Amino acid sequence: MKNLHREETFYFDYSSEIIQGILLKIGRKEGGSDLDFAIRAYTYVRDYWPYYPYRFSLQEEDWRSSKIAQQKTGHCLDKSILLISLLRAVNIPAKLGLSRVRNHIAVEQIVEKFGSDELVPHGYVAVFLEGIWVKATPAFNKELCLKMGVHALDFDGKTDAVFQEFDAQGTNSFMEYLEDYGTFDTVPLEYMFQLMCETYPMLLQKGVKMGDILDLSLL
């Protein structure tokens, strides 16, 4: 196992005061396992920052976990970075995954503006627990899921928890993964922007560039 997956970096700045404060809130039982901590950290990140998919920064500084933690909401990438930082802080290997998904929750304005219900890039966490890599997506907070008629996505630390395929009734499609771009030990912001431009050409038409901060609902 490379130590790279545990390292503190510019983005995963877990020694920062705010991340250390979150660790204290989550707590770690004396003699508690990595599995137990990962589950509790996942649930905390999932529910403490309500899901909001419309703000997307193209400024490097905004992708530090300490900066994200100061926000009142977060999208899938924000919350994945937070979870990675918390996991690495207690020496649990974790890295960022990127994918393309079709989503049917809280994306009405993206569909209206872009004519697509595909979200690119969608973020998830790959975490190493009990000898295997498992995936976790802490994006959709429990309150939002209840409002939308979808079961909150739980994580048991042993199997992938990446999406809810159907709504709570099991009748309507909720989410599907279309493509996986792999995992990264950093936040590849330029690559993420490239994927967005390929999927949403209007970004380039409107002159969006690195360094901008986007409110996708206003484009």
N, C-alpha and C. Protein backbone atom coordinates (compact mmCIF):
# COMPACT_ATOMS: atom_id res chain seq x y z
N MET A 1 0.85 -1.19 0.00
CA MET A 1 0.00 0.00 0.00
C MET A 1 0.89 1.25 0.00
N LYS A 2 0.74 2.09 -0.98
CA LYS A 2 1.51 3.31 -1.04
C LYS A 2 1.03 4.30 0.02
N ASN A 3 1.98 4.95 0.66
CA ASN A 3 1.62 5.96 1.64
C ASN A 3 0.92 7.15 0.99
N LEU A 4 1.03 7.24 -0.33
CA LEU A 4 0.42 8.34 -1.07
C LEU A 4 -1.06 8.46 -0.75
N HIS A 5 -1.73 7.35 -0.54
CA HIS A 5 -3.17 7.37 -0.27
C HIS A 5 -3.51 7.86 1.15
N ARG A 6 -2.48 8.03 1.97
CA ARG A 6 -2.68 8.49 3.34
C ARG A 6 -2.15 9.91 3.57
N GLU A 7 -1.41 10.43 2.62
CA GLU A 7 -0.68 11.68 2.81
C GLU A 7 -1.57 12.90 2.96
N GLU A 8 -1.08 13.84 3.75
CA GLU A 8 -1.70 15.17 3.77
C GLU A 8 -1.17 15.94 2.56
N THR A 9 -2.05 16.61 1.86
CA THR A 9 -1.67 17.36 0.66
C THR A 9 -2.32 18.75 0.70
N PHE A 10 -2.07 19.52 -0.32
CA PHE A 10 -2.69 20.84 -0.44
C PHE A 10 -4.20 20.74 -0.31
N TYR A 11 -4.80 19.74 -0.95
CA TYR A 11 -6.26 19.60 -0.94
C TYR A 11 -6.75 18.89 0.32
N PHE A 12 -6.07 17.86 0.72
CA PHE A 12 -6.48 17.07 1.89
C PHE A 12 -5.67 17.54 3.10
N ASP A 13 -5.94 18.77 3.53
CA ASP A 13 -5.15 19.43 4.57
C ASP A 13 -5.73 19.12 5.95
N TYR A 14 -5.61 17.88 6.35
CA TYR A 14 -6.33 17.41 7.54
C TYR A 14 -5.75 17.90 8.86
N SER A 15 -4.57 18.49 8.87
CA SER A 15 -4.05 19.04 10.12
C SER A 15 -4.61 20.42 10.41
N SER A 16 -5.40 20.98 9.49
CA SER A 16 -6.01 22.29 9.70
C SER A 16 -6.95 22.24 10.89
N GLU A 17 -7.13 23.38 11.52
CA GLU A 17 -7.92 23.45 12.74
C GLU A 17 -9.35 22.98 12.52
N ILE A 18 -9.95 23.36 11.40
CA ILE A 18 -11.36 23.03 11.18
C ILE A 18 -11.56 21.54 10.95
N ILE A 19 -10.64 20.89 10.25
CA ILE A 19 -10.76 19.44 10.03
C ILE A 19 -10.51 18.69 11.33
N GLN A 20 -9.55 19.16 12.12
CA GLN A 20 -9.31 18.53 13.42
C GLN A 20 -10.53 18.67 14.33
N GLY A 21 -11.22 19.80 14.21
CA GLY A 21 -12.44 19.99 14.99
C GLY A 21 -13.54 19.03 14.59
N ILE A 22 -13.65 18.77 13.30
CA ILE A 22 -14.65 17.81 12.83
C ILE A 22 -14.31 16.41 13.33
N LEU A 23 -13.03 16.07 13.33
CA LEU A 23 -12.61 14.76 13.84
C LEU A 23 -13.03 14.58 15.30
N LEU A 24 -12.91 15.63 16.09
CA LEU A 24 -13.32 15.55 17.48
C LEU A 24 -14.83 15.32 17.60
N LYS A 25 -15.60 15.94 16.72
CA LYS A 25 -17.05 15.76 16.74
C LYS A 25 -17.44 14.32 16.37
N ILE A 26 -16.75 13.79 15.38
CA ILE A 26 -17.05 12.40 14.97
C ILE A 26 -16.58 11.44 16.05
N GLY A 27 -15.39 11.69 16.56
CA GLY A 27 -14.84 10.86 17.63
C GLY A 27 -14.36 9.52 17.11
N ARG A 28 -13.52 8.92 17.90
CA ARG A 28 -13.06 7.56 17.60
C ARG A 28 -12.96 6.81 18.91
N LYS A 29 -13.77 5.78 19.03
CA LYS A 29 -13.79 5.02 20.27
C LYS A 29 -12.43 4.40 20.54
N GLU A 30 -12.06 4.34 21.81
CA GLU A 30 -10.79 3.72 22.18
C GLU A 30 -10.78 2.27 21.70
N GLY A 31 -9.80 1.96 20.90
CA GLY A 31 -9.71 0.62 20.33
C GLY A 31 -10.66 0.40 19.18
N GLY A 32 -11.34 1.47 18.74
CA GLY A 32 -12.29 1.35 17.64
C GLY A 32 -11.59 1.04 16.33
N SER A 33 -12.30 0.38 15.46
CA SER A 33 -11.72 -0.06 14.19
C SER A 33 -11.79 1.03 13.13
N ASP A 34 -10.98 0.86 12.09
CA ASP A 34 -11.06 1.74 10.93
C ASP A 34 -12.45 1.67 10.31
N LEU A 35 -13.01 0.48 10.28
CA LEU A 35 -14.34 0.29 9.70
C LEU A 35 -15.38 1.13 10.43
N ASP A 36 -15.36 1.08 11.73
CA ASP A 36 -16.32 1.85 12.52
C ASP A 36 -16.16 3.34 12.27
N PHE A 37 -14.92 3.82 12.27
CA PHE A 37 -14.71 5.25 12.05
C PHE A 37 -15.16 5.66 10.65
N ALA A 38 -14.83 4.86 9.65
CA ALA A 38 -15.18 5.20 8.26
C ALA A 38 -16.69 5.32 8.09
N ILE A 39 -17.44 4.43 8.71
CA ILE A 39 -18.90 4.48 8.61
C ILE A 39 -19.43 5.75 9.26
N ARG A 40 -18.92 6.08 10.44
CA ARG A 40 -19.41 7.26 11.13
C ARG A 40 -18.98 8.55 10.43
N ALA A 41 -17.78 8.57 9.86
CA ALA A 41 -17.33 9.75 9.11
C ALA A 41 -18.16 9.93 7.84
N TYR A 42 -18.45 8.83 7.17
CA TYR A 42 -19.29 8.88 5.97
C TYR A 42 -20.66 9.48 6.29
N THR A 43 -21.29 8.98 7.34
CA THR A 43 -22.62 9.44 7.70
C THR A 43 -22.62 10.91 8.09
N TYR A 44 -21.57 11.33 8.81
CA TYR A 44 -21.47 12.72 9.22
C TYR A 44 -21.36 13.64 8.01
N VAL A 45 -20.48 13.31 7.08
CA VAL A 45 -20.30 14.14 5.88
C VAL A 45 -21.56 14.12 5.02
N ARG A 46 -22.16 12.97 4.89
CA ARG A 46 -23.39 12.86 4.08
C ARG A 46 -24.47 13.81 4.56
N ASP A 47 -24.66 13.89 5.88
CA ASP A 47 -25.82 14.60 6.41
C ASP A 47 -25.55 16.02 6.91
N TYR A 48 -24.31 16.34 7.26
CA TYR A 48 -24.04 17.66 7.84
C TYR A 48 -24.03 18.76 6.78
N TRP A 49 -23.60 18.46 5.57
CA TRP A 49 -23.57 19.45 4.49
C TRP A 49 -24.64 19.09 3.47
N PRO A 50 -25.79 19.78 3.47
CA PRO A 50 -26.84 19.47 2.50
C PRO A 50 -26.32 19.56 1.07
N TYR A 51 -26.85 18.68 0.25
CA TYR A 51 -26.41 18.59 -1.14
C TYR A 51 -26.87 19.81 -1.95
N TYR A 52 -25.92 20.43 -2.64
CA TYR A 52 -26.21 21.56 -3.53
C TYR A 52 -25.29 21.45 -4.74
N PRO A 53 -25.83 21.14 -5.94
CA PRO A 53 -24.98 20.82 -7.08
C PRO A 53 -24.63 21.98 -8.00
N TYR A 54 -25.08 23.20 -7.68
CA TYR A 54 -25.01 24.27 -8.68
C TYR A 54 -23.78 25.18 -8.60
N ARG A 55 -23.06 25.18 -7.49
CA ARG A 55 -21.86 26.00 -7.41
C ARG A 55 -20.64 25.15 -7.74
N PHE A 56 -19.83 25.63 -8.67
CA PHE A 56 -18.62 24.89 -9.06
C PHE A 56 -17.48 25.89 -9.23
N SER A 57 -16.50 25.78 -8.37
CA SER A 57 -15.37 26.69 -8.43
C SER A 57 -14.26 26.13 -9.31
N LEU A 58 -13.64 27.01 -10.07
CA LEU A 58 -12.47 26.65 -10.87
C LEU A 58 -11.22 27.31 -10.30
N GLN A 59 -11.26 27.59 -8.99
CA GLN A 59 -10.12 28.12 -8.27
C GLN A 59 -9.55 27.04 -7.35
N GLU A 60 -8.26 26.79 -7.45
CA GLU A 60 -7.62 25.71 -6.71
C GLU A 60 -7.89 25.80 -5.21
N GLU A 61 -7.81 27.00 -4.66
CA GLU A 61 -7.93 27.19 -3.21
C GLU A 61 -9.27 26.67 -2.68
N ASP A 62 -10.33 26.77 -3.50
CA ASP A 62 -11.66 26.38 -3.05
C ASP A 62 -11.83 24.88 -2.90
N TRP A 63 -10.83 24.11 -3.34
CA TRP A 63 -10.94 22.65 -3.26
C TRP A 63 -10.17 22.06 -2.09
N ARG A 64 -9.66 22.90 -1.22
CA ARG A 64 -9.03 22.40 0.01
C ARG A 64 -10.12 21.96 0.97
N SER A 65 -9.90 20.86 1.65
CA SER A 65 -10.94 20.37 2.55
C SER A 65 -11.26 21.39 3.64
N SER A 66 -10.26 22.13 4.10
CA SER A 66 -10.49 23.13 5.14
C SER A 66 -11.38 24.26 4.64
N LYS A 67 -11.32 24.57 3.37
CA LYS A 67 -12.17 25.61 2.78
C LYS A 67 -13.58 25.06 2.57
N ILE A 68 -13.66 23.85 2.08
CA ILE A 68 -14.97 23.23 1.86
C ILE A 68 -15.74 23.10 3.17
N ALA A 69 -15.03 22.76 4.23
CA ALA A 69 -15.69 22.56 5.52
C ALA A 69 -16.35 23.82 6.05
N GLN A 70 -15.95 24.97 5.55
CA GLN A 70 -16.54 26.24 5.99
C GLN A 70 -17.86 26.54 5.27
N GLN A 71 -18.17 25.79 4.22
CA GLN A 71 -19.40 26.01 3.48
C GLN A 71 -20.58 25.41 4.23
N LYS A 72 -21.77 25.90 3.91
CA LYS A 72 -22.99 25.38 4.53
C LYS A 72 -23.59 24.24 3.71
N THR A 73 -23.18 24.10 2.47
CA THR A 73 -23.66 23.04 1.59
C THR A 73 -22.49 22.49 0.80
N GLY A 74 -22.73 21.43 0.04
CA GLY A 74 -21.67 20.88 -0.79
C GLY A 74 -22.22 19.94 -1.83
N HIS A 75 -21.51 19.82 -2.94
CA HIS A 75 -21.90 18.83 -3.94
C HIS A 75 -21.08 17.56 -3.74
N CYS A 76 -21.24 16.60 -4.63
CA CYS A 76 -20.61 15.29 -4.43
C CYS A 76 -19.10 15.37 -4.34
N LEU A 77 -18.48 16.25 -5.13
CA LEU A 77 -17.03 16.38 -5.10
C LEU A 77 -16.56 17.03 -3.81
N ASP A 78 -17.23 18.11 -3.41
CA ASP A 78 -16.90 18.75 -2.14
C ASP A 78 -16.90 17.74 -1.00
N LYS A 79 -17.99 17.01 -0.91
CA LYS A 79 -18.18 16.12 0.22
C LYS A 79 -17.24 14.91 0.16
N SER A 80 -16.90 14.48 -1.04
CA SER A 80 -15.92 13.40 -1.18
C SER A 80 -14.56 13.84 -0.69
N ILE A 81 -14.16 15.07 -1.04
CA ILE A 81 -12.86 15.59 -0.59
C ILE A 81 -12.83 15.70 0.93
N LEU A 82 -13.90 16.16 1.51
CA LEU A 82 -13.98 16.22 2.97
C LEU A 82 -13.80 14.85 3.61
N LEU A 83 -14.51 13.87 3.08
CA LEU A 83 -14.43 12.53 3.65
C LEU A 83 -13.03 11.95 3.50
N ILE A 84 -12.41 12.16 2.35
CA ILE A 84 -11.05 11.67 2.14
C ILE A 84 -10.10 12.27 3.17
N SER A 85 -10.23 13.57 3.40
CA SER A 85 -9.36 14.24 4.35
C SER A 85 -9.54 13.67 5.75
N LEU A 86 -10.78 13.43 6.15
CA LEU A 86 -11.05 12.86 7.48
C LEU A 86 -10.49 11.45 7.60
N LEU A 87 -10.61 10.66 6.56
CA LEU A 87 -10.10 9.29 6.59
C LEU A 87 -8.58 9.28 6.65
N ARG A 88 -7.95 10.09 5.81
CA ARG A 88 -6.49 10.13 5.82
C ARG A 88 -5.96 10.63 7.16
N ALA A 89 -6.72 11.50 7.81
CA ALA A 89 -6.28 12.05 9.09
C ALA A 89 -6.09 10.98 10.14
N VAL A 90 -6.80 9.86 10.01
CA VAL A 90 -6.64 8.76 10.97
C VAL A 90 -5.95 7.56 10.30
N ASN A 91 -5.21 7.87 9.23
CA ASN A 91 -4.34 6.89 8.56
C ASN A 91 -5.10 5.81 7.80
N ILE A 92 -6.32 6.13 7.36
CA ILE A 92 -7.08 5.22 6.50
C ILE A 92 -6.87 5.64 5.05
N PRO A 93 -6.34 4.77 4.18
CA PRO A 93 -6.10 5.14 2.79
C PRO A 93 -7.40 5.51 2.07
N ALA A 94 -7.36 6.60 1.33
CA ALA A 94 -8.55 7.04 0.61
C ALA A 94 -8.13 7.91 -0.57
N LYS A 95 -8.91 7.85 -1.64
CA LYS A 95 -8.62 8.65 -2.83
C LYS A 95 -9.92 9.03 -3.52
N LEU A 96 -9.82 10.00 -4.43
CA LEU A 96 -10.98 10.56 -5.10
C LEU A 96 -11.29 9.81 -6.39
N GLY A 97 -12.56 9.45 -6.57
CA GLY A 97 -13.01 8.84 -7.81
C GLY A 97 -13.88 9.80 -8.61
N LEU A 98 -13.77 9.74 -9.93
CA LEU A 98 -14.57 10.58 -10.81
C LEU A 98 -15.36 9.71 -11.78
N SER A 99 -16.58 10.12 -12.06
CA SER A 99 -17.41 9.34 -12.97
C SER A 99 -18.41 10.25 -13.67
N ARG A 100 -19.14 9.64 -14.59
CA ARG A 100 -20.27 10.29 -15.27
C ARG A 100 -21.53 9.55 -14.85
N VAL A 101 -22.53 10.29 -14.40
CA VAL A 101 -23.76 9.65 -13.94
C VAL A 101 -24.97 10.32 -14.57
N ARG A 102 -26.05 9.58 -14.60
CA ARG A 102 -27.35 10.16 -14.92
C ARG A 102 -28.12 10.23 -13.62
N ASN A 103 -28.55 11.42 -13.27
CA ASN A 103 -29.13 11.66 -11.96
C ASN A 103 -30.53 12.24 -12.12
N HIS A 104 -31.41 11.90 -11.19
CA HIS A 104 -32.79 12.39 -11.25
C HIS A 104 -33.21 13.09 -9.96
N ILE A 105 -32.24 13.64 -9.24
CA ILE A 105 -32.57 14.32 -8.00
C ILE A 105 -31.86 15.67 -7.91
N ALA A 106 -32.63 16.71 -7.66
CA ALA A 106 -32.10 18.06 -7.39
C ALA A 106 -31.23 18.61 -8.52
N VAL A 107 -31.54 18.28 -9.77
CA VAL A 107 -30.75 18.79 -10.89
C VAL A 107 -31.63 19.47 -11.93
N GLU A 108 -32.79 19.95 -11.52
CA GLU A 108 -33.75 20.51 -12.47
C GLU A 108 -33.14 21.65 -13.29
N GLN A 109 -32.38 22.52 -12.64
CA GLN A 109 -31.83 23.67 -13.34
C GLN A 109 -30.71 23.27 -14.30
N ILE A 110 -29.97 22.21 -13.97
CA ILE A 110 -28.95 21.72 -14.89
C ILE A 110 -29.60 21.16 -16.14
N VAL A 111 -30.67 20.41 -15.96
CA VAL A 111 -31.41 19.88 -17.12
C VAL A 111 -31.93 21.02 -17.97
N GLU A 112 -32.46 22.05 -17.32
CA GLU A 112 -33.02 23.20 -18.04
C GLU A 112 -31.93 23.95 -18.82
N LYS A 113 -30.78 24.18 -18.20
CA LYS A 113 -29.73 24.97 -18.82
C LYS A 113 -28.95 24.18 -19.87
N PHE A 114 -28.65 22.91 -19.56
CA PHE A 114 -27.77 22.13 -20.41
C PHE A 114 -28.51 21.12 -21.29
N GLY A 115 -29.80 20.91 -21.02
CA GLY A 115 -30.55 19.94 -21.80
C GLY A 115 -30.09 18.52 -21.54
N SER A 116 -29.55 18.25 -20.36
CA SER A 116 -29.02 16.93 -20.04
C SER A 116 -29.19 16.66 -18.56
N ASP A 117 -29.52 15.40 -18.23
CA ASP A 117 -29.56 15.02 -16.82
C ASP A 117 -28.31 14.25 -16.42
N GLU A 118 -27.26 14.36 -17.24
CA GLU A 118 -25.97 13.76 -16.90
C GLU A 118 -25.17 14.74 -16.06
N LEU A 119 -24.54 14.23 -15.02
CA LEU A 119 -23.67 15.04 -14.19
C LEU A 119 -22.22 14.60 -14.40
N VAL A 120 -21.39 15.57 -14.74
CA VAL A 120 -19.98 15.30 -15.01
C VAL A 120 -19.15 16.47 -14.46
N PRO A 121 -18.10 16.17 -13.68
CA PRO A 121 -17.81 14.87 -13.10
C PRO A 121 -18.58 14.66 -11.79
N HIS A 122 -18.93 13.45 -11.54
CA HIS A 122 -19.53 13.05 -10.27
C HIS A 122 -18.41 12.48 -9.40
N GLY A 123 -18.40 12.85 -8.12
CA GLY A 123 -17.33 12.40 -7.25
C GLY A 123 -17.75 11.31 -6.28
N TYR A 124 -16.82 10.40 -6.02
CA TYR A 124 -17.02 9.39 -4.98
C TYR A 124 -15.68 9.15 -4.28
N VAL A 125 -15.70 8.38 -3.22
CA VAL A 125 -14.50 8.08 -2.44
C VAL A 125 -14.17 6.60 -2.57
N ALA A 126 -12.92 6.30 -2.85
CA ALA A 126 -12.42 4.92 -2.76
C ALA A 126 -11.63 4.83 -1.46
N VAL A 127 -12.03 3.91 -0.58
CA VAL A 127 -11.41 3.79 0.73
C VAL A 127 -10.96 2.35 0.96
N PHE A 128 -9.80 2.19 1.56
CA PHE A 128 -9.21 0.86 1.78
C PHE A 128 -9.54 0.40 3.20
N LEU A 129 -10.41 -0.61 3.29
CA LEU A 129 -10.86 -1.13 4.58
C LEU A 129 -10.80 -2.65 4.60
N GLU A 130 -10.21 -3.19 5.62
CA GLU A 130 -10.16 -4.65 5.82
C GLU A 130 -9.65 -5.38 4.58
N GLY A 131 -8.62 -4.80 3.98
CA GLY A 131 -7.93 -5.48 2.89
C GLY A 131 -8.48 -5.27 1.50
N ILE A 132 -9.53 -4.47 1.34
CA ILE A 132 -10.09 -4.24 0.00
C ILE A 132 -10.46 -2.76 -0.17
N TRP A 133 -10.49 -2.33 -1.44
CA TRP A 133 -10.97 -1.00 -1.77
C TRP A 133 -12.48 -1.06 -1.96
N VAL A 134 -13.19 -0.17 -1.30
CA VAL A 134 -14.63 -0.05 -1.48
C VAL A 134 -14.96 1.41 -1.82
N LYS A 135 -16.08 1.61 -2.48
CA LYS A 135 -16.48 2.95 -2.91
C LYS A 135 -17.63 3.47 -2.06
N ALA A 136 -17.60 4.77 -1.82
CA ALA A 136 -18.65 5.40 -1.03
C ALA A 136 -18.96 6.78 -1.60
N THR A 137 -20.24 7.12 -1.68
CA THR A 137 -20.67 8.42 -2.19
C THR A 137 -21.51 9.12 -1.12
N PRO A 138 -20.92 10.09 -0.41
CA PRO A 138 -21.65 10.76 0.67
C PRO A 138 -22.43 11.98 0.20
N ALA A 139 -22.92 11.97 -1.03
CA ALA A 139 -23.47 13.19 -1.64
C ALA A 139 -24.82 13.61 -1.08
N PHE A 140 -25.79 12.69 -1.07
CA PHE A 140 -27.18 13.08 -0.82
C PHE A 140 -27.54 12.94 0.66
N ASN A 141 -27.74 14.07 1.33
CA ASN A 141 -28.08 14.05 2.75
C ASN A 141 -29.43 13.40 2.99
N LYS A 142 -29.60 12.85 4.17
CA LYS A 142 -30.80 12.08 4.51
C LYS A 142 -32.07 12.91 4.37
N GLU A 143 -32.02 14.18 4.79
CA GLU A 143 -33.20 15.03 4.71
C GLU A 143 -33.66 15.22 3.27
N LEU A 144 -32.72 15.43 2.36
CA LEU A 144 -33.07 15.58 0.95
C LEU A 144 -33.65 14.29 0.40
N CYS A 145 -33.06 13.17 0.76
CA CYS A 145 -33.55 11.88 0.26
C CYS A 145 -34.99 11.63 0.71
N LEU A 146 -35.29 11.94 1.97
CA LEU A 146 -36.66 11.78 2.46
C LEU A 146 -37.61 12.66 1.68
N LYS A 147 -37.20 13.88 1.40
CA LYS A 147 -38.03 14.82 0.66
C LYS A 147 -38.30 14.33 -0.76
N MET A 148 -37.29 13.68 -1.35
CA MET A 148 -37.41 13.23 -2.74
C MET A 148 -37.94 11.81 -2.85
N GLY A 149 -38.26 11.17 -1.73
CA GLY A 149 -38.80 9.82 -1.79
C GLY A 149 -37.79 8.76 -2.14
N VAL A 150 -36.56 8.95 -1.65
CA VAL A 150 -35.47 8.02 -1.93
C VAL A 150 -34.84 7.62 -0.59
N HIS A 151 -34.50 6.35 -0.45
CA HIS A 151 -33.80 5.92 0.75
C HIS A 151 -32.41 6.54 0.79
N ALA A 152 -32.00 7.04 1.94
CA ALA A 152 -30.65 7.54 2.10
C ALA A 152 -29.66 6.40 1.85
N LEU A 153 -28.53 6.74 1.22
CA LEU A 153 -27.54 5.73 0.87
C LEU A 153 -26.64 5.46 2.08
N ASP A 154 -26.76 4.27 2.63
CA ASP A 154 -25.92 3.89 3.77
C ASP A 154 -24.65 3.20 3.29
N PHE A 155 -23.63 3.20 4.13
CA PHE A 155 -22.34 2.62 3.82
C PHE A 155 -21.95 1.68 4.95
N ASP A 156 -21.70 0.42 4.61
CA ASP A 156 -21.33 -0.55 5.65
C ASP A 156 -19.83 -0.80 5.71
N GLY A 157 -19.08 -0.14 4.82
CA GLY A 157 -17.63 -0.28 4.83
C GLY A 157 -17.12 -1.57 4.21
N LYS A 158 -18.04 -2.42 3.75
CA LYS A 158 -17.63 -3.72 3.18
C LYS A 158 -18.03 -3.87 1.72
N THR A 159 -19.06 -3.15 1.31
CA THR A 159 -19.52 -3.21 -0.08
C THR A 159 -19.65 -1.78 -0.62
N ASP A 160 -19.59 -1.66 -1.93
CA ASP A 160 -19.70 -0.34 -2.56
C ASP A 160 -21.05 0.29 -2.26
N ALA A 161 -21.02 1.59 -1.94
CA ALA A 161 -22.24 2.37 -1.75
C ALA A 161 -22.11 3.59 -2.65
N VAL A 162 -22.51 3.42 -3.90
CA VAL A 162 -22.27 4.47 -4.88
C VAL A 162 -23.53 5.15 -5.41
N PHE A 163 -24.68 4.48 -5.32
CA PHE A 163 -25.89 5.13 -5.82
C PHE A 163 -27.12 4.35 -5.40
N GLN A 164 -28.26 5.07 -5.40
CA GLN A 164 -29.56 4.43 -5.23
C GLN A 164 -30.15 4.27 -6.63
N GLU A 165 -30.31 3.02 -7.08
CA GLU A 165 -30.76 2.80 -8.45
C GLU A 165 -32.21 3.22 -8.65
N PHE A 166 -33.03 3.02 -7.61
CA PHE A 166 -34.46 3.34 -7.72
C PHE A 166 -34.90 4.19 -6.53
N ASP A 167 -36.10 4.75 -6.65
CA ASP A 167 -36.67 5.50 -5.54
C ASP A 167 -37.12 4.54 -4.44
N ALA A 168 -37.70 5.11 -3.38
CA ALA A 168 -38.06 4.29 -2.21
C ALA A 168 -39.10 3.23 -2.53
N GLN A 169 -39.91 3.48 -3.55
CA GLN A 169 -40.93 2.51 -3.95
C GLN A 169 -40.38 1.45 -4.89
N GLY A 170 -39.16 1.68 -5.40
CA GLY A 170 -38.54 0.72 -6.31
C GLY A 170 -39.14 0.74 -7.70
N THR A 171 -39.80 1.84 -8.05
CA THR A 171 -40.49 1.89 -9.35
C THR A 171 -39.84 2.87 -10.33
N ASN A 172 -39.37 3.99 -9.84
CA ASN A 172 -38.80 5.02 -10.72
C ASN A 172 -37.28 5.03 -10.64
N SER A 173 -36.65 5.14 -11.80
CA SER A 173 -35.19 5.18 -11.84
C SER A 173 -34.68 6.43 -11.15
N PHE A 174 -33.65 6.28 -10.34
CA PHE A 174 -33.11 7.41 -9.58
C PHE A 174 -31.75 7.83 -10.10
N MET A 175 -30.86 6.87 -10.29
CA MET A 175 -29.50 7.22 -10.65
C MET A 175 -28.81 6.04 -11.32
N GLU A 176 -27.96 6.33 -12.29
CA GLU A 176 -27.17 5.27 -12.91
C GLU A 176 -25.79 5.80 -13.28
N TYR A 177 -24.79 4.95 -13.16
CA TYR A 177 -23.42 5.29 -13.53
C TYR A 177 -23.23 4.96 -15.02
N LEU A 178 -22.68 5.92 -15.77
CA LEU A 178 -22.49 5.75 -17.20
C LEU A 178 -21.03 5.49 -17.56
N GLU A 179 -20.11 6.07 -16.80
CA GLU A 179 -18.69 5.93 -17.11
C GLU A 179 -17.88 6.24 -15.86
N ASP A 180 -16.81 5.48 -15.66
CA ASP A 180 -15.92 5.71 -14.53
C ASP A 180 -14.57 6.18 -15.07
N TYR A 181 -14.10 7.32 -14.58
CA TYR A 181 -12.83 7.89 -15.06
C TYR A 181 -11.64 7.48 -14.19
N GLY A 182 -11.90 6.67 -13.17
CA GLY A 182 -10.81 6.19 -12.34
C GLY A 182 -10.65 7.00 -11.06
N THR A 183 -9.58 6.70 -10.32
CA THR A 183 -9.34 7.34 -9.02
C THR A 183 -8.05 8.16 -9.07
N PHE A 184 -7.97 9.13 -8.15
CA PHE A 184 -6.88 10.09 -8.15
C PHE A 184 -6.46 10.38 -6.71
N ASP A 185 -5.14 10.59 -6.52
CA ASP A 185 -4.63 10.94 -5.20
C ASP A 185 -4.63 12.45 -4.98
N THR A 186 -5.10 13.18 -5.98
CA THR A 186 -5.19 14.62 -5.89
C THR A 186 -6.57 15.04 -6.38
N VAL A 187 -6.78 16.35 -6.51
CA VAL A 187 -8.00 16.87 -7.11
C VAL A 187 -7.61 17.40 -8.49
N PRO A 188 -7.87 16.65 -9.56
CA PRO A 188 -7.40 17.04 -10.89
C PRO A 188 -8.33 18.08 -11.52
N LEU A 189 -8.25 19.31 -11.02
CA LEU A 189 -9.23 20.33 -11.39
C LEU A 189 -9.25 20.62 -12.89
N GLU A 190 -8.11 20.72 -13.52
CA GLU A 190 -8.10 21.00 -14.95
C GLU A 190 -8.76 19.86 -15.74
N TYR A 191 -8.50 18.64 -15.34
CA TYR A 191 -9.14 17.49 -15.99
C TYR A 191 -10.64 17.51 -15.75
N MET A 192 -11.05 17.86 -14.55
CA MET A 192 -12.46 17.95 -14.24
C MET A 192 -13.15 19.00 -15.12
N PHE A 193 -12.49 20.13 -15.30
CA PHE A 193 -13.03 21.19 -16.15
C PHE A 193 -13.10 20.72 -17.61
N GLN A 194 -12.10 19.98 -18.04
CA GLN A 194 -12.11 19.42 -19.40
C GLN A 194 -13.31 18.51 -19.61
N LEU A 195 -13.59 17.65 -18.64
CA LEU A 195 -14.74 16.76 -18.74
C LEU A 195 -16.04 17.55 -18.81
N MET A 196 -16.13 18.62 -18.02
CA MET A 196 -17.32 19.45 -18.04
C MET A 196 -17.52 20.10 -19.41
N CYS A 197 -16.44 20.63 -19.98
CA CYS A 197 -16.53 21.31 -21.27
C CYS A 197 -16.93 20.34 -22.38
N GLU A 198 -16.44 19.10 -22.29
CA GLU A 198 -16.80 18.09 -23.29
C GLU A 198 -18.27 17.72 -23.20
N THR A 199 -18.80 17.76 -21.99
CA THR A 199 -20.20 17.38 -21.76
C THR A 199 -21.14 18.56 -21.95
N TYR A 200 -20.69 19.74 -21.55
CA TYR A 200 -21.52 20.95 -21.61
C TYR A 200 -20.80 22.01 -22.46
N PRO A 201 -20.87 21.92 -23.79
CA PRO A 201 -20.14 22.85 -24.67
C PRO A 201 -20.44 24.32 -24.42
N MET A 202 -21.60 24.62 -23.87
CA MET A 202 -21.97 26.01 -23.65
C MET A 202 -21.02 26.71 -22.68
N LEU A 203 -20.29 25.94 -21.85
CA LEU A 203 -19.34 26.56 -20.94
C LEU A 203 -18.27 27.32 -21.72
N LEU A 204 -17.75 26.71 -22.76
CA LEU A 204 -16.74 27.37 -23.60
C LEU A 204 -17.37 28.50 -24.41
N GLN A 205 -18.60 28.27 -24.86
CA GLN A 205 -19.29 29.31 -25.63
C GLN A 205 -19.49 30.58 -24.80
N LYS A 206 -19.65 30.41 -23.50
CA LYS A 206 -19.84 31.54 -22.61
C LYS A 206 -18.52 32.08 -22.05
N GLY A 207 -17.42 31.51 -22.51
CA GLY A 207 -16.12 32.02 -22.10
C GLY A 207 -15.67 31.62 -20.72
N VAL A 208 -16.25 30.56 -20.17
CA VAL A 208 -15.85 30.09 -18.84
C VAL A 208 -14.42 29.56 -18.90
N LYS A 209 -13.64 29.89 -17.89
CA LYS A 209 -12.23 29.49 -17.88
C LYS A 209 -11.79 29.17 -16.46
N MET A 210 -10.60 28.56 -16.36
CA MET A 210 -10.02 28.28 -15.06
C MET A 210 -9.89 29.59 -14.29
N GLY A 211 -10.20 29.53 -13.00
CA GLY A 211 -10.16 30.72 -12.16
C GLY A 211 -11.52 31.31 -11.90
N ASP A 212 -12.51 30.89 -12.70
CA ASP A 212 -13.87 31.38 -12.51
C ASP A 212 -14.57 30.61 -11.40
N ILE A 213 -15.63 31.19 -10.87
CA ILE A 213 -16.52 30.51 -9.95
C ILE A 213 -17.90 30.49 -10.60
N LEU A 214 -18.43 29.29 -10.83
CA LEU A 214 -19.67 29.14 -11.58
C LEU A 214 -20.85 28.93 -10.67
N ASP A 215 -21.92 29.64 -10.96
CA ASP A 215 -23.24 29.28 -10.43
C ASP A 215 -23.97 28.68 -11.62
N LEU A 216 -23.98 27.35 -11.68
CA LEU A 216 -24.51 26.67 -12.86
C LEU A 216 -25.97 27.00 -13.12
N SER A 217 -26.70 27.39 -12.08
CA SER A 217 -28.11 27.69 -12.26
C SER A 217 -28.34 29.00 -12.99
N LEU A 218 -27.29 29.84 -13.08
CA LEU A 218 -27.45 31.15 -13.71
C LEU A 218 -26.86 31.22 -15.11
N LEU A 219 -26.23 30.18 -15.57
CA LEU A 219 -25.62 30.20 -16.91
C LEU A 219 -26.69 30.29 -18.00
